[in-house]
Amino acid sequence: MRPGDDARAERAAFRAWVRAHHPDLGGDPEAFAAGLRRRYRKGSGKGATGARPDPRMDAPIVGVRRRRGPIAMILRWRYRRRRARRLQ
């Protein structure tokens, strides 16, 4: 067994369940909503897998203003040129 096979099987089973019970495909809307609530237990902080949800999704959205103009372009170019190379 490869790492992640359990997660793949769980996702495949969930997708099959969604296809079978989705209201757009003739399923019961209340039963579908109840199944989603069971899967994503609202308020408990954990999903069906027991893993914590991504904490980045709870943070507030912050806008950042970037400097514009030729001086800012030169400064960005210099910064990118001098920083360490990214390994691939």
Protein backbone atom coordinates (compact mmCIF):
# COMPACT_ATOMS: atom_id res chain seq x y z
CA MET A 1 0.00 0.00 0.00
CA ARG A 2 1.28 3.45 -0.88
CA PRO A 3 1.01 6.44 1.45
CA GLY A 4 -2.27 8.23 0.91
CA ASP A 5 -4.19 5.23 -0.44
CA ASP A 6 -6.60 5.37 2.51
CA ALA A 7 -7.30 9.05 1.86
CA ARG A 8 -7.82 8.38 -1.86
CA ALA A 9 -10.24 5.56 -1.10
CA GLU A 10 -12.12 7.75 1.37
CA ARG A 11 -12.42 10.59 -1.17
CA ALA A 12 -13.58 8.15 -3.85
CA ALA A 13 -16.23 6.73 -1.52
CA PHE A 14 -17.42 10.24 -0.63
CA ARG A 15 -17.64 11.23 -4.32
CA ALA A 16 -19.66 8.08 -5.03
CA TRP A 17 -21.98 8.91 -2.13
CA VAL A 18 -22.43 12.48 -3.44
CA ARG A 19 -23.25 11.21 -6.94
CA ALA A 20 -25.83 8.83 -5.52
CA HIS A 21 -27.51 11.30 -3.12
CA HIS A 22 -27.14 14.74 -4.74
CA PRO A 23 -30.48 16.60 -5.01
CA ASP A 24 -29.77 17.63 -8.62
CA LEU A 25 -29.62 13.95 -9.51
CA GLY A 26 -32.85 12.97 -7.79
CA GLY A 27 -31.64 12.56 -4.21
CA ASP A 28 -33.35 13.82 -1.08
CA PRO A 29 -32.11 17.36 -0.18
CA GLU A 30 -32.53 16.86 3.58
CA ALA A 31 -30.67 13.55 3.57
CA PHE A 32 -27.90 15.09 1.46
CA ALA A 33 -27.53 18.04 3.84
CA ALA A 34 -27.48 15.69 6.84
CA GLY A 35 -24.77 13.60 5.19
CA LEU A 36 -22.65 16.69 4.56
CA ARG A 37 -23.08 17.78 8.18
CA ARG A 38 -21.91 14.34 9.32
CA ARG A 39 -18.92 14.56 6.99
CA TYR A 40 -17.90 18.08 8.00
CA ARG A 41 -19.16 18.19 11.61
CA LYS A 42 -19.73 21.91 11.96
CA GLY A 43 -18.30 23.53 15.04
CA SER A 44 -16.14 20.62 16.15
CA GLY A 45 -13.00 21.84 14.41
CA LYS A 46 -12.40 18.46 12.80
CA GLY A 47 -13.54 16.92 9.55
CA ALA A 48 -14.49 13.32 8.89
CA THR A 49 -10.84 12.30 8.72
CA GLY A 50 -10.11 13.70 12.18
CA ALA A 51 -7.60 16.18 10.78
CA ARG A 52 -7.83 19.82 11.66
CA PRO A 53 -9.05 22.11 8.87
CA ASP A 54 -6.60 24.47 7.23
CA PRO A 55 -6.06 27.35 9.72
CA ARG A 56 -5.46 29.80 6.87
CA MET A 57 -9.17 29.68 6.03
CA ASP A 58 -10.10 31.25 9.37
CA ALA A 59 -7.88 34.32 9.06
CA PRO A 60 -9.33 37.68 8.03
CA ILE A 61 -8.70 38.88 4.49
CA VAL A 62 -6.17 41.69 4.36
CA GLY A 63 -5.54 43.87 1.33
CA VAL A 64 -2.00 44.96 0.57
CA ARG A 65 -1.12 47.95 -1.56
CA ARG A 66 1.89 47.58 -3.78
CA ARG A 67 3.98 50.46 -4.89
CA ARG A 68 3.63 51.21 -8.58
CA GLY A 69 5.72 53.02 -11.08
CA PRO A 70 9.19 52.67 -12.55
CA ILE A 71 11.07 52.96 -9.23
CA ALA A 72 8.99 50.20 -7.66
CA MET A 73 9.57 48.00 -10.72
CA ILE A 74 13.32 48.46 -10.45
CA LEU A 75 13.29 47.73 -6.71
CA ARG A 76 11.26 44.53 -7.25
CA TRP A 77 13.62 43.44 -10.02
CA ARG A 78 16.66 44.03 -7.81
CA TYR A 79 15.09 42.12 -4.93
CA ARG A 80 14.21 39.15 -7.12
CA ARG A 81 17.63 39.14 -8.73
CA ARG A 82 19.50 39.10 -5.41
CA ARG A 83 17.40 36.62 -3.46
CA ALA A 84 18.40 32.98 -3.20
CA ARG A 85 17.46 30.75 -6.10
CA ARG A 86 14.52 28.42 -5.66
CA LEU A 87 15.28 24.74 -5.96
CA GLN A 88 13.02 22.62 -8.09
